[in-house]
Amino acid sequence: MSDLENLLRMTAVQAEGMRGLGGYAGGMFMAASKVLGEETVRDANGAVAQNAGGKQGEK
């Protein structure tokens, strides 16, 4: 029974550590998503500007 108690205690400590790692990984994912989203918006705006310029030149 004492072995089981020790294992459960260590599991609880490790679960807290895993929770911290999950929060860290989630934060990194959200930061990367924001950066990639900004690049996508910037690229889309550049493409719209290029298309608008090309269409004006055709007229």
PDB file of N, CA and C in Angstrom:
ATOM      1  N   MET A   1       0.824  -1.198   0.000  1.00  0.00           N
ATOM      2  CA  MET A   1       0.000   0.000   0.000  1.00  0.00           C
ATOM      3  C   MET A   1       0.866   1.258   0.000  1.00  0.00           C
ATOM      4  N   SER A   2       1.990   1.226   0.696  1.00  0.00           N
ATOM      5  CA  SER A   2       2.847   2.415   0.737  1.00  0.00           C
ATOM      6  C   SER A   2       3.462   2.680  -0.648  1.00  0.00           C
ATOM      7  N   ASP A   3       3.780   1.613  -1.382  1.00  0.00           N
ATOM      8  CA  ASP A   3       4.289   1.794  -2.743  1.00  0.00           C
ATOM      9  C   ASP A   3       3.240   2.477  -3.625  1.00  0.00           C
ATOM     10  N   LEU A   4       2.002   2.039  -3.499  1.00  0.00           N
ATOM     11  CA  LEU A   4       0.922   2.641  -4.278  1.00  0.00           C
ATOM     12  C   LEU A   4       0.753   4.108  -3.904  1.00  0.00           C
ATOM     13  N   GLU A   5       0.835   4.418  -2.610  1.00  0.00           N
ATOM     14  CA  GLU A   5       0.713   5.807  -2.157  1.00  0.00           C
ATOM     15  C   GLU A   5       1.842   6.668  -2.736  1.00  0.00           C
ATOM     16  N   ASN A   6       3.058   6.133  -2.715  1.00  0.00           N
ATOM     17  CA  ASN A   6       4.195   6.872  -3.283  1.00  0.00           C
ATOM     18  C   ASN A   6       4.022   7.093  -4.786  1.00  0.00           C
ATOM     19  N   LEU A   7       3.546   6.080  -5.479  1.00  0.00           N
ATOM     20  CA  LEU A   7       3.321   6.215  -6.920  1.00  0.00           C
ATOM     21  C   LEU A   7       2.241   7.250  -7.215  1.00  0.00           C
ATOM     22  N   LEU A   8       1.185   7.251  -6.428  1.00  0.00           N
ATOM     23  CA  LEU A   8       0.120   8.234  -6.629  1.00  0.00           C
ATOM     24  C   LEU A   8       0.608   9.646  -6.343  1.00  0.00           C
ATOM     25  N   ARG A   9       1.446   9.796  -5.320  1.00  0.00           N
ATOM     26  CA  ARG A   9       2.000  11.107  -4.991  1.00  0.00           C
ATOM     27  C   ARG A   9       2.872  11.614  -6.140  1.00  0.00           C
ATOM     28  N   MET A  10       3.718  10.746  -6.667  1.00  0.00           N
ATOM     29  CA  MET A  10       4.585  11.137  -7.788  1.00  0.00           C
ATOM     30  C   MET A  10       3.763  11.434  -9.044  1.00  0.00           C
ATOM     31  N   THR A  11       2.706  10.673  -9.247  1.00  0.00           N
ATOM     32  CA  THR A  11       1.828  10.915 -10.392  1.00  0.00           C
ATOM     33  C   THR A  11       1.175  12.284 -10.288  1.00  0.00           C
ATOM     34  N   ALA A  12       0.770  12.674  -9.087  1.00  0.00           N
ATOM     35  CA  ALA A  12       0.169  13.990  -8.882  1.00  0.00           C
ATOM     36  C   ALA A  12       1.175  15.099  -9.188  1.00  0.00           C
ATOM     37  N   VAL A  13       2.419  14.922  -8.758  1.00  0.00           N
ATOM     38  CA  VAL A  13       3.462  15.921  -9.042  1.00  0.00           C
ATOM     39  C   VAL A  13       3.703  16.009 -10.549  1.00  0.00           C
ATOM     40  N   GLN A  14       3.784  14.855 -11.197  1.00  0.00           N
ATOM     41  CA  GLN A  14       4.026  14.841 -12.635  1.00  0.00           C
ATOM     42  C   GLN A  14       2.846  15.430 -13.400  1.00  0.00           C
ATOM     43  N   ALA A  15       1.634  15.214 -12.903  1.00  0.00           N
ATOM     44  CA  ALA A  15       0.447  15.778 -13.564  1.00  0.00           C
ATOM     45  C   ALA A  15       0.492  17.304 -13.529  1.00  0.00           C
ATOM     46  N   GLU A  16       0.944  17.886 -12.424  1.00  0.00           N
ATOM     47  CA  GLU A  16       1.091  19.342 -12.350  1.00  0.00           C
ATOM     48  C   GLU A  16       2.130  19.831 -13.353  1.00  0.00           C
ATOM     49  N   GLY A  17       3.220  19.097 -13.477  1.00  0.00           N
ATOM     50  CA  GLY A  17       4.237  19.456 -14.459  1.00  0.00           C
ATOM     51  C   GLY A  17       3.712  19.373 -15.879  1.00  0.00           C
ATOM     52  N   MET A  18       2.943  18.348 -16.172  1.00  0.00           N
ATOM     53  CA  MET A  18       2.355  18.199 -17.509  1.00  0.00           C
ATOM     54  C   MET A  18       1.370  19.328 -17.802  1.00  0.00           C
ATOM     55  N   ARG A  19       0.660  19.751 -16.770  1.00  0.00           N
ATOM     56  CA  ARG A  19      -0.271  20.867 -16.943  1.00  0.00           C
ATOM     57  C   ARG A  19       0.496  22.132 -17.331  1.00  0.00           C
ATOM     58  N   GLY A  20       1.624  22.367 -16.660  1.00  0.00           N
ATOM     59  CA  GLY A  20       2.460  23.519 -16.998  1.00  0.00           C
ATOM     60  C   GLY A  20       2.993  23.443 -18.415  1.00  0.00           C
ATOM     61  N   LEU A  21       3.442  22.259 -18.809  1.00  0.00           N
ATOM     62  CA  LEU A  21       3.936  22.093 -20.178  1.00  0.00           C
ATOM     63  C   LEU A  21       2.831  22.306 -21.203  1.00  0.00           C
ATOM     64  N   GLY A  22       1.629  21.857 -20.870  1.00  0.00           N
ATOM     65  CA  GLY A  22       0.499  22.066 -21.775  1.00  0.00           C
ATOM     66  C   GLY A  22       0.192  23.540 -21.957  1.00  0.00           C
ATOM     67  N   GLY A  23       0.245  24.298 -20.871  1.00  0.00           N
ATOM     68  CA  GLY A  23       0.027  25.743 -20.962  1.00  0.00           C
ATOM     69  C   GLY A  23       1.095  26.419 -21.796  1.00  0.00           C
ATOM     70  N   TYR A  24       2.339  26.000 -21.606  1.00  0.00           N
ATOM     71  CA  TYR A  24       3.447  26.567 -22.380  1.00  0.00           C
ATOM     72  C   TYR A  24       3.284  26.252 -23.864  1.00  0.00           C
ATOM     73  N   ALA A  25       2.962  25.007 -24.188  1.00  0.00           N
ATOM     74  CA  ALA A  25       2.780  24.614 -25.587  1.00  0.00           C
ATOM     75  C   ALA A  25       1.595  25.354 -26.201  1.00  0.00           C
ATOM     76  N   GLY A  26       0.525  25.527 -25.431  1.00  0.00           N
ATOM     77  CA  GLY A  26      -0.636  26.271 -25.930  1.00  0.00           C
ATOM     78  C   GLY A  26      -0.289  27.720 -26.220  1.00  0.00           C
ATOM     79  N   GLY A  27       0.501  28.324 -25.342  1.00  0.00           N
ATOM     80  CA  GLY A  27       0.927  29.704 -25.568  1.00  0.00           C
ATOM     81  C   GLY A  27       1.781  29.835 -26.811  1.00  0.00           C
ATOM     82  N   MET A  28       2.682  28.888 -27.005  1.00  0.00           N
ATOM     83  CA  MET A  28       3.523  28.910 -28.208  1.00  0.00           C
ATOM     84  C   MET A  28       2.672  28.735 -29.469  1.00  0.00           C
ATOM     85  N   PHE A  29       1.676  27.862 -29.391  1.00  0.00           N
ATOM     86  CA  PHE A  29       0.795  27.644 -30.536  1.00  0.00           C
ATOM     87  C   PHE A  29       0.012  28.910 -30.865  1.00  0.00           C
ATOM     88  N   MET A  30      -0.511  29.575 -29.838  1.00  0.00           N
ATOM     89  CA  MET A  30      -1.279  30.802 -30.086  1.00  0.00           C
ATOM     90  C   MET A  30      -0.393  31.903 -30.657  1.00  0.00           C
ATOM     91  N   ALA A  31       0.847  32.014 -30.163  1.00  0.00           N
ATOM     92  CA  ALA A  31       1.765  33.022 -30.683  1.00  0.00           C
ATOM     93  C   ALA A  31       2.105  32.738 -32.149  1.00  0.00           C
ATOM     94  N   ALA A  32       2.378  31.479 -32.461  1.00  0.00           N
ATOM     95  CA  ALA A  32       2.694  31.119 -33.852  1.00  0.00           C
ATOM     96  C   ALA A  32       1.489  31.355 -34.749  1.00  0.00           C
ATOM     97  N   SER A  33       0.314  31.053 -34.254  1.00  0.00           N
ATOM     98  CA  SER A  33      -0.897  31.268 -35.035  1.00  0.00           C
ATOM     99  C   SER A  33      -1.091  32.746 -35.333  1.00  0.00           C
ATOM    100  N   LYS A  34      -0.822  33.596 -34.345  1.00  0.00           N
ATOM    101  CA  LYS A  34      -0.963  35.037 -34.550  1.00  0.00           C
ATOM    102  C   LYS A  34       0.030  35.539 -35.590  1.00  0.00           C
ATOM    103  N   VAL A  35       1.282  35.101 -35.487  1.00  0.00           N
ATOM    104  CA  VAL A  35       2.313  35.537 -36.435  1.00  0.00           C
ATOM    105  C   VAL A  35       1.954  35.071 -37.842  1.00  0.00           C
ATOM    106  N   LEU A  36       1.573  33.806 -37.980  1.00  0.00           N
ATOM    107  CA  LEU A  36       1.232  33.291 -39.309  1.00  0.00           C
ATOM    108  C   LEU A  36      -0.022  33.967 -39.848  1.00  0.00           C
ATOM    109  N   GLY A  37      -0.966  34.272 -38.982  1.00  0.00           N
ATOM    110  CA  GLY A  37      -2.174  34.974 -39.409  1.00  0.00           C
ATOM    111  C   GLY A  37      -1.860  36.367 -39.915  1.00  0.00           C
ATOM    112  N   GLU A  38      -0.941  37.078 -39.238  1.00  0.00           N
ATOM    113  CA  GLU A  38      -0.553  38.417 -39.683  1.00  0.00           C
ATOM    114  C   GLU A  38       0.144  38.354 -41.033  1.00  0.00           C
ATOM    115  N   GLU A  39       0.988  37.347 -41.241  1.00  0.00           N
ATOM    116  CA  GLU A  39       1.669  37.213 -42.533  1.00  0.00           C
ATOM    117  C   GLU A  39       0.672  36.919 -43.631  1.00  0.00           C
ATOM    118  N   THR A  40      -0.330  36.100 -43.337  1.00  0.00           N
ATOM    119  CA  THR A  40      -1.342  35.769 -44.338  1.00  0.00           C
ATOM    120  C   THR A  40      -2.135  37.005 -44.729  1.00  0.00           C
ATOM    121  N   VAL A  41      -2.504  37.810 -43.739  1.00  0.00           N
ATOM    122  CA  VAL A  41      -3.248  39.042 -44.019  1.00  0.00           C
ATOM    123  C   VAL A  41      -2.389  39.993 -44.831  1.00  0.00           C
ATOM    124  N   ARG A  42      -1.113  40.121 -44.465  1.00  0.00           N
ATOM    125  CA  ARG A  42      -0.212  41.011 -45.188  1.00  0.00           C
ATOM    126  C   ARG A  42      -0.042  40.544 -46.636  1.00  0.00           C
ATOM    127  N   ASP A  43       0.134  39.229 -46.833  1.00  0.00           N
ATOM    128  CA  ASP A  43       0.281  38.682 -48.178  1.00  0.00           C
ATOM    129  C   ASP A  43      -0.994  38.883 -48.988  1.00  0.00           C
ATOM    130  N   ALA A  44      -2.144  38.693 -48.352  1.00  0.00           N
ATOM    131  CA  ALA A  44      -3.419  38.868 -49.048  1.00  0.00           C
ATOM    132  C   ALA A  44      -3.602  40.326 -49.446  1.00  0.00           C
ATOM    133  N   ASN A  45      -3.241  41.261 -48.575  1.00  0.00           N
ATOM    134  CA  ASN A  45      -3.368  42.680 -48.908  1.00  0.00           C
ATOM    135  C   ASN A  45      -2.426  43.052 -50.048  1.00  0.00           C
ATOM    136  N   GLY A  46      -1.235  42.483 -50.056  1.00  0.00           N
ATOM    137  CA  GLY A  46      -0.298  42.743 -51.147  1.00  0.00           C
ATOM    138  C   GLY A  46      -0.819  42.212 -52.467  1.00  0.00           C
ATOM    139  N   ALA A  47      -1.443  41.046 -52.449  1.00  0.00           N
ATOM    140  CA  ALA A  47      -1.998  40.466 -53.672  1.00  0.00           C
ATOM    141  C   ALA A  47      -3.163  41.297 -54.179  1.00  0.00           C
ATOM    142  N   VAL A  48      -3.990  41.795 -53.272  1.00  0.00           N
ATOM    143  CA  VAL A  48      -5.125  42.639 -53.670  1.00  0.00           C
ATOM    144  C   VAL A  48      -4.616  43.929 -54.289  1.00  0.00           C
ATOM    145  N   ALA A  49      -3.580  44.516 -53.688  1.00  0.00           N
ATOM    146  CA  ALA A  49      -3.018  45.755 -54.220  1.00  0.00           C
ATOM    147  C   ALA A  49      -2.410  45.523 -55.598  1.00  0.00           C
ATOM    148  N   GLN A  50      -1.726  44.397 -55.787  1.00  0.00           N
ATOM    149  CA  GLN A  50      -1.139  44.101 -57.089  1.00  0.00           C
ATOM    150  C   GLN A  50      -2.224  43.873 -58.137  1.00  0.00           C
ATOM    151  N   ASN A  51      -3.284  43.160 -57.766  1.00  0.00           N
ATOM    152  CA  ASN A  51      -4.373  42.919 -58.708  1.00  0.00           C
ATOM    153  C   ASN A  51      -5.091  44.207 -59.051  1.00  0.00           C
ATOM    154  N   ALA A  52      -5.284  45.083 -58.089  1.00  0.00           N
ATOM    155  CA  ALA A  52      -5.951  46.345 -58.346  1.00  0.00           C
ATOM    156  C   ALA A  52      -5.092  47.203 -59.270  1.00  0.00           C
ATOM    157  N   GLY A  53      -3.778  47.199 -59.054  1.00  0.00           N
ATOM    158  CA  GLY A  53      -2.886  47.969 -59.908  1.00  0.00           C
ATOM    159  C   GLY A  53      -2.852  47.440 -61.309  1.00  0.00           C
ATOM    160  N   GLY A  54      -2.889  46.145 -61.462  1.00  0.00           N
ATOM    161  CA  GLY A  54      -2.880  45.529 -62.783  1.00  0.00           C
ATOM    162  C   GLY A  54      -4.158  45.800 -63.543  1.00  0.00           C
ATOM    163  N   LYS A  55      -5.279  45.779 -62.873  1.00  0.00           N
ATOM    164  CA  LYS A  55      -6.557  46.041 -63.517  1.00  0.00           C
ATOM    165  C   LYS A  55      -6.657  47.494 -63.941  1.00  0.00           C
ATOM    166  N   GLN A  56      -6.107  48.426 -63.148  1.00  0.00           N
ATOM    167  CA  GLN A  56      -6.151  49.830 -63.519  1.00  0.00           C
ATOM    168  C   GLN A  56      -5.292  50.087 -64.751  1.00  0.00           C
ATOM    169  N   GLY A  57      -4.183  49.362 -64.859  1.00  0.00           N
ATOM    170  CA  GLY A  57      -3.311  49.530 -66.007  1.00  0.00           C
ATOM    171  C   GLY A  57      -3.937  49.002 -67.287  1.00  0.00           C
ATOM    172  N   GLU A  58      -4.870  48.040 -67.189  1.00  0.00           N
ATOM    173  CA  GLU A  58      -5.511  47.466 -68.369  1.00  0.00           C
ATOM    174  C   GLU A  58      -6.522  48.408 -68.984  1.00  0.00           C
ATOM    175  N   LYS A  59      -7.107  49.278 -68.155  1.00  0.00           N
ATOM    176  CA  LYS A  59      -8.178  50.177 -68.656  1.00  0.00           C
ATOM    177  C   LYS A  59      -7.650  51.292 -69.473  1.00  0.00           C
TER     178      LYS A  59
END
